[in-house]
Amino acid sequence: MLNCSLIYKINQCSNFKSFNTYFLKAIPRRNVSIYNKIQLIKRIGFDSYQLRNFAVGTFVRNKEHLNIGTIGHVDHGKTTLTAALTKVCSLSGVGEYVPYDSIDKAPEERKRGITICATHVEYETDKRHYGHVDCPGHADYIKNMISGAAQMDGAILVVSAPDGPMPQTREHILLAKQIGVPKLVVYLNKMDLVEDPEIVELVELEINELLSEYNYGDSPIVKGSATKALLNDEESVNSIKELLAKCDEYLSTPDRKEDLPLLIAVDEVLAIPGKGTVATGRIEQGRVKVGDAVEIVGGGKNAKKSTVNSLEMFRKTLNEGIAGDQVGFLLKNVKRDDIARGYVVSCPGTYFSHDSFDADLYVLTHEEGGRKNGFGSNYRPQAFLRTGDVSCTVHLPEDVPLAMPGDSLKCTIKLLNYMPLHEGLRFALREGGKTVASGIISKLHK
């Protein structure tokens, strides 16, 4: 029989240590079988997946932190490389190995053999702690790729050596540039499948030409095989070590805006029974601690007030989150429908929602992956802003009948829903699986 007075405390636990403490107190006998413990957990109101969501330990900030990720065409080996990075780092005694099937863990991902949702892992070198997001490469899930790339301080472009650059390779480079990813490091994967060395030289030339189009021409290229690295092949493991060294050397740590008011771009929301609503996202600026008052901005003109009840990073309790951290946080008195991807969590009174703005727009050419033809006023694409997207209407100036590919112009954009915006924010317009234009907000409408 359970000690019912402790059930409430158990339900409020946010980490495994406190859960275990109260759970043992609630059980009158310590020699309870595993089966009976599971039954007790169910009676308390927990599911097994909730225990996996508990924080394990405390995050120790003893190295500079950088957010990077893998981008590139579908099936070029992004997830395999992500697993290989964690394995090689774990062999050096830092970090934990995350197998391939723990990264692509959703049933649909395993069934189709592709990444659908962006997945976060961590690993360390002697110089840095890396937060890594594995982005989907499939064209059908480009929305999730944009959301993942929006969190990056730098990226690893994965290209299959036998295949060379493919359609999503170009699109991911373009989107990385539009979102503001400053630098790329290239990993030429599947070298073990190349029969003719001359093919590799041609692929390298093609990659360099493609990168130069988007001002990534100085990006270093590392050659290897992620699959063989997972099998402990010495040459392939060394290529992963070389890749990590290039990331340490070439990717710069950005200036963190720690002294500005808090702003977190939400990329995922979970409703955990018995605990509440948990959101995850990257802290764009500012700092946050447990107990801080915050506002949820997005979805409507008025913000919703809340309080941060717990704070984690990579399943470790975080004493304080600072700009650049990818965090998960439990929000007090917030329902699942009160917050969504694309919203922001901010310091009260500092950030607001808008549904229209003036913008400086660049229309992509067909060669850049855009439309063949221009568009007129009242054009209705999808606007991608930070981690969110929303339908919108583009209004051109009266003296501009058509916006043609290659044009730079001013326009007014009306969003279908209110979104958290500020002047200077970059965005992309997409239609029919193509990026049509990119822009910067120049003036917000009240």
Protein backbone atom coordinates (compact mmCIF):
# COMPACT_ATOMS: atom_id res chain seq x y z
CA MET A 1 0.00 0.00 0.00
CA LEU A 2 1.30 3.44 -0.95
CA ASN A 3 1.87 6.37 1.38
CA CYS A 4 -0.61 8.66 -0.41
CA SER A 5 0.67 11.85 1.23
CA LEU A 6 3.83 11.54 -0.87
CA ILE A 7 2.09 10.95 -4.22
CA TYR A 8 1.73 14.67 -4.94
CA LYS A 9 5.43 15.26 -4.29
CA ILE A 10 6.31 12.33 -6.56
CA ASN A 11 4.19 13.75 -9.38
CA GLN A 12 5.98 17.10 -9.10
CA CYS A 13 9.47 15.60 -9.39
CA SER A 14 11.57 16.94 -12.28
CA ASN A 15 14.61 14.65 -11.97
CA PHE A 16 15.25 11.00 -11.27
CA LYS A 17 17.11 11.58 -8.00
CA SER A 18 14.18 13.34 -6.31
CA PHE A 19 11.72 10.84 -7.85
CA ASN A 20 13.65 7.90 -6.42
CA THR A 21 13.90 9.54 -2.97
CA TYR A 22 10.15 10.11 -2.62
CA PHE A 23 9.28 6.83 -4.35
CA LEU A 24 11.24 4.77 -1.81
CA LYS A 25 9.63 6.70 1.05
CA ALA A 26 6.19 5.98 -0.40
CA ILE A 27 6.79 2.21 -0.49
CA PRO A 28 6.34 0.51 2.90
CA ARG A 29 8.64 -2.39 1.94
CA ARG A 30 11.99 -1.94 0.19
CA ASN A 31 12.13 -5.46 -1.31
CA VAL A 32 9.43 -4.79 -3.90
CA SER A 33 9.72 -6.67 -7.20
CA ILE A 34 10.40 -4.80 -10.46
CA TYR A 35 6.93 -5.76 -11.73
CA ASN A 36 5.23 -4.33 -8.65
CA LYS A 37 7.32 -1.15 -8.86
CA ILE A 38 6.10 -0.64 -12.44
CA GLN A 39 2.52 -1.15 -11.29
CA LEU A 40 3.04 1.39 -8.52
CA ILE A 41 4.51 3.88 -10.98
CA LYS A 42 1.41 3.48 -13.15
CA ARG A 43 -0.87 4.01 -10.14
CA ILE A 44 1.01 7.18 -9.25
CA GLY A 45 0.37 8.47 -12.75
CA PHE A 46 3.70 7.99 -14.50
CA ASP A 47 4.37 6.14 -17.74
CA SER A 48 7.70 4.48 -18.47
CA TYR A 49 8.56 7.09 -21.11
CA GLN A 50 8.33 9.79 -18.42
CA LEU A 51 11.13 8.18 -16.43
CA ARG A 52 13.35 8.43 -19.51
CA ASN A 53 12.60 12.17 -19.58
CA PHE A 54 14.00 12.73 -16.08
CA ALA A 55 17.19 14.73 -15.74
CA VAL A 56 20.21 12.59 -14.83
CA GLY A 57 22.88 14.60 -13.01
CA THR A 58 23.77 18.28 -13.27
CA PHE A 59 25.22 20.00 -16.34
CA VAL A 60 28.74 21.28 -15.60
CA ARG A 61 29.79 24.31 -17.66
CA ASN A 62 33.59 23.94 -17.89
CA LYS A 63 34.09 24.47 -21.66
CA GLU A 64 32.80 26.91 -24.23
CA HIS A 65 29.57 25.70 -25.82
CA LEU A 66 28.77 25.66 -29.55
CA ASN A 67 25.61 24.58 -31.38
CA ILE A 68 26.33 22.74 -34.62
CA GLY A 69 24.52 20.17 -36.74
CA THR A 70 24.51 17.99 -39.83
CA ILE A 71 22.84 19.16 -43.04
CA GLY A 72 22.78 17.69 -46.55
CA HIS A 73 20.87 15.50 -49.00
CA VAL A 74 18.76 12.58 -47.82
CA ASP A 75 20.68 9.30 -47.33
CA HIS A 76 24.13 10.89 -47.56
CA GLY A 77 24.91 9.74 -44.01
CA LYS A 78 24.04 12.63 -41.68
CA THR A 79 22.64 10.48 -38.88
CA THR A 80 25.41 7.89 -39.24
CA LEU A 81 27.98 10.68 -38.95
CA THR A 82 26.21 12.06 -35.87
CA ALA A 83 26.44 8.63 -34.22
CA ALA A 84 30.11 8.33 -35.26
CA LEU A 85 30.93 11.73 -33.72
CA THR A 86 29.47 10.68 -30.37
CA LYS A 87 31.28 7.32 -30.51
CA VAL A 88 34.72 8.74 -31.28
CA CYS A 89 34.34 11.34 -28.52
CA SER A 90 33.22 8.65 -26.06
CA LEU A 91 36.31 6.57 -26.93
CA SER A 92 38.39 9.58 -25.86
CA GLY A 93 36.66 9.53 -22.49
CA VAL A 94 34.37 12.54 -23.00
CA GLY A 95 30.66 12.20 -23.63
CA GLU A 96 28.39 9.26 -24.21
CA TYR A 97 27.96 7.18 -27.38
CA VAL A 98 24.52 7.64 -28.97
CA PRO A 99 23.79 4.78 -31.44
CA TYR A 100 22.12 5.36 -34.80
CA ASP A 101 18.81 3.83 -33.71
CA SER A 102 18.69 6.13 -30.67
CA ILE A 103 18.91 9.18 -32.96
CA ASP A 104 16.30 8.02 -35.50
CA LYS A 105 14.04 6.54 -32.83
CA ALA A 106 10.54 7.33 -34.10
CA PRO A 107 8.76 4.30 -35.67
CA GLU A 108 8.22 6.15 -38.97
CA GLU A 109 11.92 7.10 -39.11
CA ARG A 110 13.01 3.49 -38.58
CA LYS A 111 10.48 2.19 -41.08
CA ARG A 112 11.53 4.58 -43.85
CA GLY A 113 15.21 4.77 -42.93
CA ILE A 114 15.23 8.59 -42.97
CA THR A 115 15.31 11.36 -40.38
CA ILE A 116 12.00 13.24 -40.05
CA CYS A 117 12.40 15.32 -36.89
CA ALA A 118 15.55 17.22 -35.93
CA THR A 119 17.28 15.34 -33.09
CA HIS A 120 19.65 16.76 -30.44
CA VAL A 121 22.75 15.02 -29.04
CA GLU A 122 25.87 16.23 -27.24
CA TYR A 123 29.58 15.43 -27.37
CA GLU A 124 32.84 17.05 -26.29
CA THR A 125 36.36 17.69 -27.52
CA ASP A 126 39.26 18.95 -25.43
CA LYS A 127 38.32 22.49 -26.45
CA ARG A 128 34.51 22.58 -26.61
CA HIS A 129 31.18 21.15 -25.60
CA TYR A 130 29.01 20.67 -28.71
CA GLY A 131 25.24 20.59 -28.88
CA HIS A 132 24.49 18.81 -32.17
CA VAL A 133 21.21 18.81 -34.11
CA ASP A 134 20.76 16.13 -36.79
CA CYS A 135 18.56 17.70 -39.49
CA PRO A 136 16.30 15.76 -41.89
CA GLY A 137 17.45 15.78 -45.51
CA HIS A 138 14.24 14.65 -47.20
CA ALA A 139 12.44 17.36 -49.19
CA ASP A 140 9.13 16.55 -47.45
CA TYR A 141 10.57 17.55 -44.07
CA ILE A 142 12.40 20.75 -45.00
CA LYS A 143 10.32 22.61 -42.37
CA ASN A 144 12.04 20.57 -39.65
CA MET A 145 15.43 21.20 -41.25
CA ILE A 146 14.83 24.98 -41.15
CA SER A 147 13.82 24.75 -37.50
CA GLY A 148 16.99 22.79 -36.70
CA ALA A 149 19.32 25.05 -38.71
CA ALA A 150 17.89 28.13 -36.99
CA GLN A 151 19.60 26.93 -33.78
CA MET A 152 23.10 26.46 -35.26
CA ASP A 153 26.27 28.49 -34.74
CA GLY A 154 27.92 26.44 -37.50
CA ALA A 155 27.14 23.31 -39.53
CA ILE A 156 28.66 20.14 -40.98
CA LEU A 157 27.62 19.64 -44.60
CA VAL A 158 27.55 15.91 -45.38
CA VAL A 159 28.05 14.90 -49.02
CA SER A 160 28.23 11.34 -50.35
CA ALA A 161 31.50 10.88 -52.26
CA PRO A 162 30.02 8.43 -54.84
CA ASP A 163 26.98 10.67 -55.53
CA GLY A 164 28.30 14.22 -55.15
CA PRO A 165 26.09 17.25 -54.43
CA MET A 166 22.36 16.60 -54.93
CA PRO A 167 19.22 18.83 -54.93
CA GLN A 168 18.83 19.00 -51.14
CA THR A 169 22.57 19.69 -50.80
CA ARG A 170 22.12 22.97 -52.65
CA GLU A 171 18.87 23.78 -50.86
CA HIS A 172 20.36 23.15 -47.42
CA ILE A 173 23.34 25.40 -48.21
CA LEU A 174 20.95 28.11 -49.42
CA LEU A 175 18.75 27.82 -46.33
CA ALA A 176 21.78 27.82 -44.03
CA LYS A 177 22.90 31.09 -45.64
CA GLN A 178 19.45 32.66 -45.37
CA ILE A 179 19.01 31.65 -41.74
CA GLY A 180 22.43 33.04 -40.87
CA VAL A 181 24.65 30.00 -40.28
CA PRO A 182 28.07 31.70 -40.52
CA LYS A 183 30.41 28.81 -41.41
CA LEU A 184 30.32 25.25 -42.75
CA VAL A 185 32.71 22.30 -42.51
CA VAL A 186 32.28 19.62 -45.21
CA TYR A 187 32.45 15.87 -44.55
CA LEU A 188 32.85 13.87 -47.78
CA ASN A 189 31.25 10.61 -46.65
CA LYS A 190 31.17 7.02 -47.98
CA MET A 191 34.76 7.12 -49.24
CA ASP A 192 34.87 3.33 -48.83
CA LEU A 193 32.36 3.03 -51.71
CA VAL A 194 34.41 5.07 -54.22
CA GLU A 195 36.05 2.94 -56.92
CA ASP A 196 37.75 5.68 -58.97
CA PRO A 197 39.81 8.33 -57.08
CA GLU A 198 39.26 10.80 -59.95
CA ILE A 199 35.56 10.91 -59.03
CA VAL A 200 36.50 12.31 -55.63
CA GLU A 201 38.49 15.14 -57.24
CA LEU A 202 35.52 16.05 -59.44
CA VAL A 203 33.13 15.94 -56.48
CA GLU A 204 35.45 18.21 -54.47
CA LEU A 205 35.54 20.73 -57.33
CA GLU A 206 31.76 20.64 -57.60
CA ILE A 207 31.36 21.16 -53.85
CA ASN A 208 33.78 24.11 -53.84
CA GLU A 209 31.94 25.77 -56.73
CA LEU A 210 28.61 25.30 -54.97
CA LEU A 211 29.90 26.64 -51.66
CA SER A 212 31.50 29.65 -53.37
CA GLU A 213 28.10 30.68 -54.76
CA TYR A 214 26.91 31.25 -51.19
CA ASN A 215 30.15 32.72 -49.77
CA TYR A 216 31.17 29.48 -48.05
CA GLY A 217 34.20 29.07 -50.34
CA ASP A 218 36.78 28.70 -47.56
CA SER A 219 35.03 25.73 -45.95
CA PRO A 220 37.47 22.87 -45.13
CA ILE A 221 36.71 19.41 -46.54
CA VAL A 222 37.36 16.18 -44.62
CA LYS A 223 37.11 12.77 -46.33
CA GLY A 224 36.12 9.52 -44.64
CA SER A 225 33.45 6.93 -43.91
CA ALA A 226 31.08 7.36 -40.97
CA THR A 227 29.83 3.77 -41.28
CA LYS A 228 33.34 2.31 -41.00
CA ALA A 229 34.12 4.66 -38.12
CA LEU A 230 31.25 3.03 -36.22
CA LEU A 231 32.99 -0.30 -36.89
CA ASN A 232 36.23 1.08 -35.38
CA ASP A 233 38.15 1.20 -38.66
CA GLU A 234 41.31 3.13 -37.76
CA GLU A 235 41.48 5.29 -40.89
CA SER A 236 37.79 6.21 -40.64
CA VAL A 237 38.03 6.97 -36.91
CA ASN A 238 40.95 9.29 -37.71
CA SER A 239 38.78 11.10 -40.27
CA ILE A 240 36.19 11.76 -37.54
CA LYS A 241 38.96 13.07 -35.26
CA GLU A 242 40.13 15.32 -38.10
CA LEU A 243 36.55 16.57 -38.58
CA LEU A 244 36.28 17.43 -34.88
CA ALA A 245 39.63 19.23 -35.03
CA LYS A 246 38.43 21.27 -38.03
CA CYS A 247 35.24 22.18 -36.14
CA ASP A 248 37.32 23.33 -33.16
CA GLU A 249 39.64 25.32 -35.40
CA TYR A 250 37.38 26.75 -38.12
CA LEU A 251 33.98 27.30 -36.47
CA SER A 252 33.93 30.46 -34.38
CA THR A 253 32.10 30.87 -31.09
CA PRO A 254 29.69 33.79 -31.64
CA ASP A 255 29.39 36.72 -29.26
CA ARG A 256 26.66 35.66 -26.85
CA LYS A 257 24.10 38.34 -26.00
CA GLU A 258 23.96 37.37 -22.33
CA ASP A 259 23.26 40.88 -21.03
CA LEU A 260 20.12 41.46 -23.11
CA PRO A 261 16.57 40.52 -21.98
CA LEU A 262 15.74 36.81 -22.20
CA LEU A 263 14.56 35.41 -25.54
CA ILE A 264 14.09 31.67 -26.23
CA ALA A 265 12.92 30.45 -29.66
CA VAL A 266 10.65 27.44 -29.01
CA ASP A 267 11.22 24.44 -31.31
CA GLU A 268 9.27 21.66 -29.56
CA VAL A 269 6.51 21.33 -26.95
CA LEU A 270 5.63 18.26 -24.86
CA ALA A 271 2.74 17.68 -22.48
CA ILE A 272 3.89 15.32 -19.71
CA PRO A 273 1.05 13.95 -17.55
CA GLY A 274 1.50 14.73 -13.89
CA LYS A 275 4.18 17.35 -14.57
CA GLY A 276 2.86 19.90 -17.05
CA THR A 277 3.99 21.51 -20.29
CA VAL A 278 7.65 21.27 -21.25
CA ALA A 279 9.11 23.39 -24.07
CA THR A 280 12.54 23.17 -25.67
CA GLY A 281 14.45 25.81 -27.57
CA ARG A 282 17.65 27.78 -28.00
CA ILE A 283 18.30 30.80 -25.82
CA GLU A 284 18.97 33.54 -28.38
CA GLN A 285 19.83 36.14 -25.77
CA GLY A 286 19.79 36.70 -22.03
CA ARG A 287 19.80 34.33 -19.05
CA VAL A 288 17.19 32.20 -17.28
CA LYS A 289 16.93 30.45 -13.90
CA VAL A 290 14.31 28.33 -12.17
CA GLY A 291 11.69 30.62 -10.66
CA ASP A 292 12.09 33.38 -13.27
CA ALA A 293 8.89 35.05 -14.48
CA VAL A 294 8.50 34.84 -18.26
CA GLU A 295 6.00 35.56 -21.04
CA ILE A 296 4.94 33.28 -23.89
CA VAL A 297 4.67 35.37 -27.06
CA GLY A 298 2.96 34.12 -30.22
CA GLY A 299 -0.38 32.94 -31.56
CA GLY A 300 -2.21 36.10 -30.49
CA LYS A 301 -1.63 39.73 -29.71
CA ASN A 302 -1.49 39.23 -25.93
CA ALA A 303 1.31 37.34 -24.20
CA LYS A 304 0.68 34.67 -21.55
CA LYS A 305 2.53 34.96 -18.25
CA SER A 306 4.23 31.98 -16.64
CA THR A 307 7.12 30.88 -14.43
CA VAL A 308 10.03 28.52 -15.18
CA ASN A 309 9.61 25.55 -12.82
CA SER A 310 12.61 23.47 -13.94
CA LEU A 311 15.49 23.81 -16.38
CA GLU A 312 17.52 21.13 -18.20
CA MET A 313 20.08 20.73 -20.98
CA PHE A 314 20.75 17.30 -22.53
CA ARG A 315 18.85 15.57 -19.69
CA LYS A 316 20.99 17.26 -17.04
CA THR A 317 19.70 19.77 -14.51
CA LEU A 318 20.86 23.28 -15.39
CA ASN A 319 21.42 25.89 -12.68
CA GLU A 320 21.31 28.75 -15.17
CA GLY A 321 20.73 28.86 -18.92
CA ILE A 322 22.64 31.47 -20.92
CA ALA A 323 22.55 32.67 -24.52
CA GLY A 324 23.49 29.84 -26.89
CA ASP A 325 22.19 27.00 -24.70
CA GLN A 326 19.65 24.51 -26.10
CA VAL A 327 17.38 24.01 -23.09
CA GLY A 328 14.23 22.26 -21.96
CA PHE A 329 12.05 23.96 -19.37
CA LEU A 330 8.86 23.21 -17.45
CA LEU A 331 6.35 26.08 -17.48
CA LYS A 332 3.92 26.74 -14.64
CA ASN A 333 0.15 26.92 -15.36
CA VAL A 334 0.62 26.52 -19.12
CA LYS A 335 -1.53 24.17 -21.20
CA ARG A 336 -0.26 22.32 -24.26
CA ASP A 337 -2.32 24.59 -26.55
CA ASP A 338 -0.88 27.79 -25.02
CA ILE A 339 2.52 27.36 -26.67
CA ALA A 340 3.80 25.99 -29.99
CA ARG A 341 6.86 25.83 -32.19
CA GLY A 342 7.62 29.29 -33.53
CA TYR A 343 6.60 31.06 -30.32
CA VAL A 344 9.17 32.67 -28.04
CA VAL A 345 9.57 32.71 -24.27
CA SER A 346 10.84 36.11 -23.16
CA CYS A 347 11.42 38.47 -20.28
CA PRO A 348 8.05 40.11 -19.40
CA GLY A 349 7.25 43.26 -21.36
CA THR A 350 10.18 43.05 -23.78
CA TYR A 351 8.80 41.19 -26.81
CA PHE A 352 5.55 41.43 -28.75
CA SER A 353 3.51 39.71 -31.46
CA HIS A 354 2.69 41.30 -34.82
CA ASP A 355 0.81 40.19 -37.90
CA SER A 356 2.19 42.62 -40.52
CA PHE A 357 5.45 44.33 -41.38
CA ASP A 358 7.49 46.03 -44.11
CA ALA A 359 10.45 44.08 -45.46
CA ASP A 360 13.43 44.23 -47.79
CA LEU A 361 12.97 41.20 -50.04
CA TYR A 362 15.26 39.36 -52.45
CA VAL A 363 13.57 37.07 -54.99
CA LEU A 364 15.66 33.99 -55.78
CA THR A 365 16.51 33.14 -59.37
CA HIS A 366 15.66 29.76 -60.86
CA GLU A 367 19.37 28.84 -60.75
CA GLU A 368 19.35 29.54 -56.99
CA GLY A 369 16.42 27.17 -56.53
CA GLY A 370 13.63 29.74 -56.86
CA ARG A 371 10.76 30.27 -59.31
CA LYS A 372 11.10 30.56 -63.07
CA ASN A 373 8.46 33.29 -63.20
CA GLY A 374 7.74 36.36 -61.10
CA PHE A 375 4.77 36.98 -58.81
CA GLY A 376 2.40 39.88 -58.31
CA SER A 377 0.72 41.54 -55.37
CA ASN A 378 -1.44 39.34 -53.09
CA TYR A 379 0.96 36.44 -53.61
CA ARG A 380 0.43 33.87 -50.82
CA PRO A 381 3.46 31.74 -49.87
CA GLN A 382 4.50 30.33 -46.49
CA ALA A 383 6.71 32.54 -44.29
CA PHE A 384 9.40 30.84 -42.18
CA LEU A 385 10.42 32.91 -39.16
CA ARG A 386 12.88 31.45 -36.64
CA THR A 387 11.54 27.97 -35.81
CA GLY A 388 7.98 28.64 -36.98
CA ASP A 389 6.05 29.05 -40.21
CA VAL A 390 2.79 30.75 -41.14
CA SER A 391 0.78 31.51 -44.28
CA CYS A 392 1.09 35.10 -45.46
CA THR A 393 0.16 37.57 -48.20
CA VAL A 394 2.80 39.65 -49.99
CA HIS A 395 1.76 43.17 -51.07
CA LEU A 396 4.04 44.84 -53.62
CA PRO A 397 4.43 48.63 -54.05
CA GLU A 398 1.97 50.21 -56.50
CA ASP A 399 4.73 50.94 -59.02
CA VAL A 400 5.93 47.29 -59.03
CA PRO A 401 3.50 45.09 -61.00
CA LEU A 402 5.68 41.96 -60.74
CA ALA A 403 8.52 40.79 -58.53
CA MET A 404 10.84 38.95 -60.90
CA PRO A 405 13.56 36.39 -60.04
CA GLY A 406 16.72 38.27 -59.08
CA ASP A 407 14.87 41.42 -57.96
CA SER A 408 15.54 43.22 -54.68
CA LEU A 409 12.56 45.26 -53.53
CA LYS A 410 10.54 46.57 -50.62
CA CYS A 411 7.17 45.02 -49.79
CA THR A 412 4.55 44.64 -47.07
CA ILE A 413 3.73 41.20 -45.65
CA LYS A 414 0.52 40.31 -43.80
CA LEU A 415 0.63 37.13 -41.70
CA LEU A 416 -2.37 34.86 -41.16
CA ASN A 417 -1.57 34.64 -37.42
CA TYR A 418 0.29 36.79 -34.92
CA MET A 419 3.97 35.86 -34.59
CA PRO A 420 6.79 37.13 -32.33
CA LEU A 421 8.80 39.54 -34.46
CA HIS A 422 11.44 42.25 -34.26
CA GLU A 423 13.02 44.61 -36.78
CA GLY A 424 16.09 43.04 -38.41
CA LEU A 425 14.72 39.48 -38.16
CA ARG A 426 15.51 37.32 -41.22
CA PHE A 427 12.86 35.16 -42.86
CA ALA A 428 12.27 32.98 -45.92
CA LEU A 429 9.26 32.62 -48.22
CA ARG A 430 8.54 29.14 -49.59
CA GLU A 431 6.01 27.69 -51.99
CA GLY A 432 5.59 24.22 -53.46
CA GLY A 433 8.75 22.83 -51.88
CA LYS A 434 10.90 25.73 -53.09
CA THR A 435 12.43 28.71 -51.36
CA VAL A 436 11.07 31.66 -53.34
CA ALA A 437 12.57 34.65 -51.55
CA SER A 438 14.49 35.74 -48.47
CA GLY A 439 14.08 38.95 -46.57
CA ILE A 440 14.71 41.11 -43.51
CA ILE A 441 12.00 42.87 -41.50
CA SER A 442 12.54 46.63 -41.81
CA LYS A 443 9.48 48.01 -39.97
CA LEU A 444 6.80 46.46 -37.76
CA HIS A 445 3.16 47.53 -37.92
CA LYS A 446 1.33 48.06 -34.63
